[in-house]
């Protein structure tokens, strides 16, 4: 099954979000758990969640991805910022536990001058406190582009965050691979996905890979810029995207578009990608 969708807004509620996914031809999707720049969390009603769950079951959706706001920084030097991230993520997980099977994706954070080793350790410590809250939720570390002091731009840093988490908690821990980020981070996934995924498997382990953010990039490989582009219009190109979505190690994972599109644009990209991979 080709699980393919896009980023949607939750502003009109969870049931409406499921309806929007159907309207663009998606059978998975992603949404922010709250305003991506932070802010208070709106708690969904049981009825609203039940409406979404009914849509997901009836139409055989793949796993849905809830994305943490960008403002969370569990690797921050400032203790108050770390505490804010931890409290907010715990609140998010409380809601997600009402929707078993949801993937909770977050940016591992920025070390802001402390050094990547310190940043990796702090994010791993946060995971050690959050993972015990998960029963039906899986937390995903997103691969990053390495812009500024971001951690998680190398497979080794992702590996080290996982390694610092107790083995007993790793059942609910995984990785989301962003195609723009890994390309900008120096991994030429468009030209040679075999080599990149072999390296991922060797360093992290493909068993941890649970989702794909499918994005083209405005920049060449290794520029560390993190600038998403529409599918086929960037450095990855349509041939590169084709290699990714048809790769045997990836094809059964949920793919979510985060390209600079409105809903009509997402619908067109979904149609294009489904025509490339007709299954």
Protein backbone atom coordinates (compact mmCIF):
# COMPACT_ATOMS: atom_id res chain seq x y z
CA UNK A 1 0.00 0.00 0.00
CA UNK A 2 1.29 3.45 -0.95
CA UNK A 3 0.59 5.61 2.11
CA UNK A 4 0.87 9.16 0.84
CA UNK A 5 -0.39 12.45 2.23
CA UNK A 6 0.51 15.99 3.16
CA UNK A 7 0.60 18.46 5.99
CA UNK A 8 -2.88 19.66 7.00
CA UNK A 9 -4.29 22.22 9.40
CA UNK A 10 -6.09 21.09 12.55
CA UNK A 11 -7.71 24.51 13.03
CA UNK A 12 -11.17 23.23 12.01
CA UNK A 13 -10.92 20.11 14.14
CA UNK A 14 -9.80 16.52 13.80
CA UNK A 15 -12.76 15.16 11.86
CA UNK A 16 -12.52 18.00 9.33
CA UNK A 17 -8.83 17.23 8.97
CA UNK A 18 -9.65 13.65 8.01
CA UNK A 19 -12.18 14.92 5.47
CA UNK A 20 -9.56 17.28 4.02
CA UNK A 21 -7.15 14.36 3.64
CA UNK A 22 -9.75 12.42 1.66
CA UNK A 23 -10.42 15.45 -0.54
CA UNK A 24 -6.78 15.65 -1.68
CA UNK A 25 -6.46 11.89 -2.25
CA UNK A 26 -4.39 11.20 0.87
CA UNK A 27 -4.39 8.06 3.00
CA UNK A 28 -2.09 9.49 5.65
CA UNK A 29 -1.34 13.05 6.74
CA UNK A 30 0.56 15.22 9.18
CA UNK A 31 -0.52 18.11 11.39
CA UNK A 32 0.91 20.38 14.07
CA UNK A 33 -0.19 19.51 17.60
CA UNK A 34 -0.57 23.26 18.23
CA UNK A 35 0.61 26.52 16.63
CA UNK A 36 4.06 25.71 15.14
CA UNK A 37 5.52 28.70 16.96
CA UNK A 38 4.07 27.59 20.29
CA UNK A 39 1.03 28.74 22.23
CA UNK A 40 -1.67 27.04 24.23
CA UNK A 41 -3.05 23.68 23.20
CA UNK A 42 -6.68 23.21 22.20
CA UNK A 43 -7.94 19.93 23.64
CA UNK A 44 -10.10 18.05 21.10
CA UNK A 45 -13.43 16.60 22.16
CA UNK A 46 -14.01 12.85 22.30
CA UNK A 47 -16.58 13.25 19.51
CA UNK A 48 -14.11 15.03 17.24
CA UNK A 49 -11.44 12.39 17.75
CA UNK A 50 -13.98 9.60 17.22
CA UNK A 51 -14.99 11.18 13.90
CA UNK A 52 -11.39 11.17 12.71
CA UNK A 53 -10.76 7.61 13.89
CA UNK A 54 -13.83 6.45 11.97
CA UNK A 55 -12.48 8.01 8.76
CA UNK A 56 -9.05 6.47 9.28
CA UNK A 57 -10.51 3.01 9.81
CA UNK A 58 -13.08 3.14 6.99
CA UNK A 59 -10.58 4.34 4.40
CA UNK A 60 -7.65 2.20 5.63
CA UNK A 61 -5.29 5.06 6.37
CA UNK A 62 -1.68 4.50 7.25
CA UNK A 63 -0.14 5.93 10.42
CA UNK A 64 -0.87 9.62 11.00
CA UNK A 65 1.99 11.94 11.98
CA UNK A 66 1.55 14.59 14.66
CA UNK A 67 4.33 17.19 14.40
CA UNK A 68 5.58 19.05 17.46
CA UNK A 69 5.93 22.84 17.11
CA UNK A 70 9.28 24.17 15.98
CA UNK A 71 9.66 26.25 19.12
CA UNK A 72 10.28 23.19 21.29
CA UNK A 73 14.00 22.83 22.01
CA UNK A 74 14.79 19.99 24.41
CA UNK A 75 18.52 20.61 23.75
CA UNK A 76 18.44 24.28 24.79
CA UNK A 77 21.07 25.75 27.09
CA UNK A 78 18.31 27.58 28.98
CA UNK A 79 16.70 25.25 31.53
CA UNK A 80 13.35 27.06 31.30
CA UNK A 81 13.23 26.42 27.55
CA UNK A 82 14.00 22.75 28.10
CA UNK A 83 11.29 22.52 30.75
CA UNK A 84 8.79 24.22 28.44
CA UNK A 85 9.55 21.72 25.68
CA UNK A 86 9.19 18.79 28.08
CA UNK A 87 5.89 19.99 29.57
CA UNK A 88 4.42 20.80 26.17
CA UNK A 89 5.46 17.50 24.62
CA UNK A 90 3.98 15.63 27.59
CA UNK A 91 0.68 17.46 27.00
CA UNK A 92 0.82 16.54 23.31
CA UNK A 93 1.39 12.88 24.12
CA UNK A 94 -1.56 12.88 26.51
CA UNK A 95 -3.83 13.83 23.59
CA UNK A 96 -2.14 11.46 21.14
CA UNK A 97 -2.69 8.53 23.47
CA UNK A 98 -6.38 8.94 22.61
CA UNK A 99 -5.47 8.06 19.00
CA UNK A 100 -3.40 4.84 19.21
CA UNK A 101 -0.87 4.33 16.45
CA UNK A 102 -0.05 8.00 15.97
CA UNK A 103 3.55 8.93 15.22
CA UNK A 104 4.77 12.00 17.16
CA UNK A 105 7.53 13.70 15.20
CA UNK A 106 9.83 16.41 16.57
CA UNK A 107 12.99 18.30 15.66
CA UNK A 108 15.72 17.11 18.05
CA UNK A 109 16.70 20.70 18.82
CA UNK A 110 19.65 23.10 18.69
CA UNK A 111 22.61 22.99 21.03
CA UNK A 112 22.99 26.83 20.82
CA UNK A 113 26.73 26.86 21.41
CA UNK A 114 26.95 24.07 23.97
CA UNK A 115 28.31 21.61 21.41
CA UNK A 116 26.51 18.80 19.65
CA UNK A 117 27.49 16.21 22.29
CA UNK A 118 25.72 18.21 24.99
CA UNK A 119 22.70 18.78 22.75
CA UNK A 120 22.46 15.07 21.96
CA UNK A 121 22.62 14.21 25.66
CA UNK A 122 19.94 16.74 26.65
CA UNK A 123 17.51 15.56 23.98
CA UNK A 124 18.09 11.95 24.97
CA UNK A 125 17.36 12.90 28.59
CA UNK A 126 14.06 14.45 27.49
CA UNK A 127 13.18 11.28 25.59
CA UNK A 128 13.89 9.27 28.71
CA UNK A 129 11.18 11.25 30.51
CA UNK A 130 8.65 11.28 27.66
CA UNK A 131 8.79 7.70 26.39
CA UNK A 132 7.34 6.22 29.61
CA UNK A 133 4.15 8.20 28.81
CA UNK A 134 3.73 6.36 25.50
CA UNK A 135 1.52 3.31 25.16
CA UNK A 136 0.05 3.71 21.69
CA UNK A 137 2.24 6.60 20.52
CA UNK A 138 5.67 6.37 18.87
CA UNK A 139 8.03 9.35 19.15
CA UNK A 140 10.07 10.09 16.03
CA UNK A 141 13.40 11.91 15.84
CA UNK A 142 13.47 13.85 12.59
CA UNK A 143 16.65 13.93 10.52
CA UNK A 144 17.78 17.54 10.12
CA UNK A 145 19.74 19.61 7.59
CA UNK A 146 22.38 20.91 10.00
CA UNK A 147 21.40 24.56 9.77
CA UNK A 148 22.98 26.63 12.55
CA UNK A 149 23.43 24.53 15.69
CA UNK A 150 20.81 21.91 14.83
CA UNK A 151 21.50 18.42 16.08
CA UNK A 152 20.36 15.33 14.21
CA UNK A 153 21.91 16.27 10.86
CA UNK A 154 24.16 13.21 10.85
CA UNK A 155 23.08 9.63 11.24
CA UNK A 156 25.67 9.31 14.01
CA UNK A 157 23.97 12.00 16.10
CA UNK A 158 20.60 10.32 15.66
CA UNK A 159 22.17 7.00 16.61
CA UNK A 160 23.71 8.53 19.74
CA UNK A 161 20.38 9.99 20.89
CA UNK A 162 18.77 6.57 20.57
CA UNK A 163 21.72 4.84 22.27
CA UNK A 164 21.41 7.12 25.32
CA UNK A 165 17.79 6.04 25.83
CA UNK A 166 17.17 2.96 27.95
CA UNK A 167 16.65 -0.12 25.74
CA UNK A 168 13.43 -0.81 27.65
CA UNK A 169 11.95 2.45 26.27
CA UNK A 170 13.02 2.16 22.63
CA UNK A 171 9.93 0.22 21.57
CA UNK A 172 8.15 3.57 21.19
CA UNK A 173 11.06 5.42 19.56
CA UNK A 174 11.76 5.79 15.85
CA UNK A 175 13.08 8.08 13.11
CA UNK A 176 11.43 10.21 10.44
CA UNK A 177 13.68 10.74 7.43
CA UNK A 178 13.17 14.09 5.69
CA UNK A 179 14.40 13.87 2.09
CA UNK A 180 15.17 17.59 1.83
CA UNK A 181 16.97 17.61 5.17
CA UNK A 182 19.17 14.60 4.50
CA UNK A 183 20.05 15.94 1.05
CA UNK A 184 20.90 19.38 2.44
CA UNK A 185 22.74 17.59 5.23
CA UNK A 186 25.09 15.90 2.74
CA UNK A 187 23.44 12.55 1.96
CA UNK A 188 22.68 12.29 -1.76
CA UNK A 189 19.49 10.30 -1.38
CA UNK A 190 18.10 11.39 -4.76
CA UNK A 191 21.06 10.13 -6.78
CA UNK A 192 21.87 7.02 -4.75
CA UNK A 193 19.21 6.01 -2.21
CA UNK A 194 20.76 2.54 -1.97
CA UNK A 195 24.01 3.94 -0.58
CA UNK A 196 22.29 6.37 1.80
CA UNK A 197 19.96 3.72 3.18
CA UNK A 198 22.80 1.24 3.58
CA UNK A 199 24.58 3.86 5.66
CA UNK A 200 21.41 4.56 7.64
CA UNK A 201 21.04 0.86 8.33
CA UNK A 202 24.68 0.49 9.32
CA UNK A 203 24.66 3.49 11.66
CA UNK A 204 21.10 3.62 13.06
CA UNK A 205 19.24 0.55 11.80
CA UNK A 206 16.39 0.52 9.32
CA UNK A 207 14.14 -0.99 11.98
CA UNK A 208 13.92 2.51 13.51
CA UNK A 209 12.77 4.17 10.28
CA UNK A 210 9.03 4.76 10.60
CA UNK A 211 8.09 7.65 8.28
CA UNK A 212 9.29 9.83 5.40
CA UNK A 213 8.90 13.57 4.92
CA UNK A 214 8.85 13.75 1.13
CA UNK A 215 10.25 17.11 0.05
CA UNK A 216 12.33 18.40 -2.82
CA UNK A 217 15.07 20.91 -1.97
CA UNK A 218 15.83 24.39 -3.24
CA UNK A 219 19.54 23.77 -2.63
CA UNK A 220 22.27 21.37 -3.80
CA UNK A 221 23.41 18.46 -1.67
CA UNK A 222 25.32 19.45 1.47
CA UNK A 223 24.33 23.12 1.71
CA UNK A 224 22.76 22.79 5.21
CA UNK A 225 20.01 25.27 4.36
CA UNK A 226 16.68 23.41 4.88
CA UNK A 227 14.63 25.01 2.11
CA UNK A 228 11.81 22.82 0.84
CA UNK A 229 10.75 22.88 -2.82
CA UNK A 230 7.79 21.46 -4.72
CA UNK A 231 8.16 17.90 -5.98
CA UNK A 232 10.28 17.72 -9.14
CA UNK A 233 11.20 21.41 -9.07
CA UNK A 234 14.32 21.24 -6.92
CA UNK A 235 17.70 19.58 -6.54
CA UNK A 236 16.23 16.11 -5.94
CA UNK A 237 14.22 16.25 -9.17
CA UNK A 238 11.43 13.99 -10.28
CA UNK A 239 13.79 11.11 -11.07
CA UNK A 240 15.28 11.34 -7.58
CA UNK A 241 11.86 11.38 -5.97
CA UNK A 242 10.87 8.36 -8.09
CA UNK A 243 13.87 6.42 -6.78
CA UNK A 244 12.86 7.27 -3.22
CA UNK A 245 9.17 6.39 -3.33
CA UNK A 246 9.79 3.10 -5.15
CA UNK A 247 12.72 1.97 -3.00
CA UNK A 248 11.98 -1.41 -1.40
CA UNK A 249 13.26 -0.27 2.00
CA UNK A 250 10.88 2.71 2.02
CA UNK A 251 7.82 1.81 -0.03
CA UNK A 252 5.67 0.55 2.87
CA UNK A 253 6.29 3.60 5.10
CA UNK A 254 3.97 6.61 5.30
CA UNK A 255 5.15 9.47 3.03
CA UNK A 256 4.09 13.00 3.96
CA UNK A 257 4.56 16.07 1.77
CA UNK A 258 5.75 19.31 3.37
CA UNK A 259 6.27 21.16 0.10
CA UNK A 260 5.31 24.85 -0.33
CA UNK A 261 1.80 24.09 -1.63
CA UNK A 262 -1.81 24.91 -0.85
CA UNK A 263 -4.36 22.10 -0.74
CA UNK A 264 -4.88 22.18 -4.51
CA UNK A 265 -1.12 21.92 -4.99
CA UNK A 266 -0.91 19.00 -2.59
CA UNK A 267 -3.72 17.23 -4.46
CA UNK A 268 -1.79 17.65 -7.70
CA UNK A 269 1.45 16.37 -6.17
CA UNK A 270 -0.37 13.37 -4.73
CA UNK A 271 -1.88 12.59 -8.14
CA UNK A 272 1.55 12.91 -9.77
CA UNK A 273 3.25 10.65 -7.24
CA UNK A 274 0.52 8.02 -7.44
CA UNK A 275 0.86 7.99 -11.24
CA UNK A 276 4.58 7.32 -10.84
CA UNK A 277 4.03 4.51 -8.35
CA UNK A 278 0.87 2.78 -9.42
CA UNK A 279 0.07 0.38 -6.58
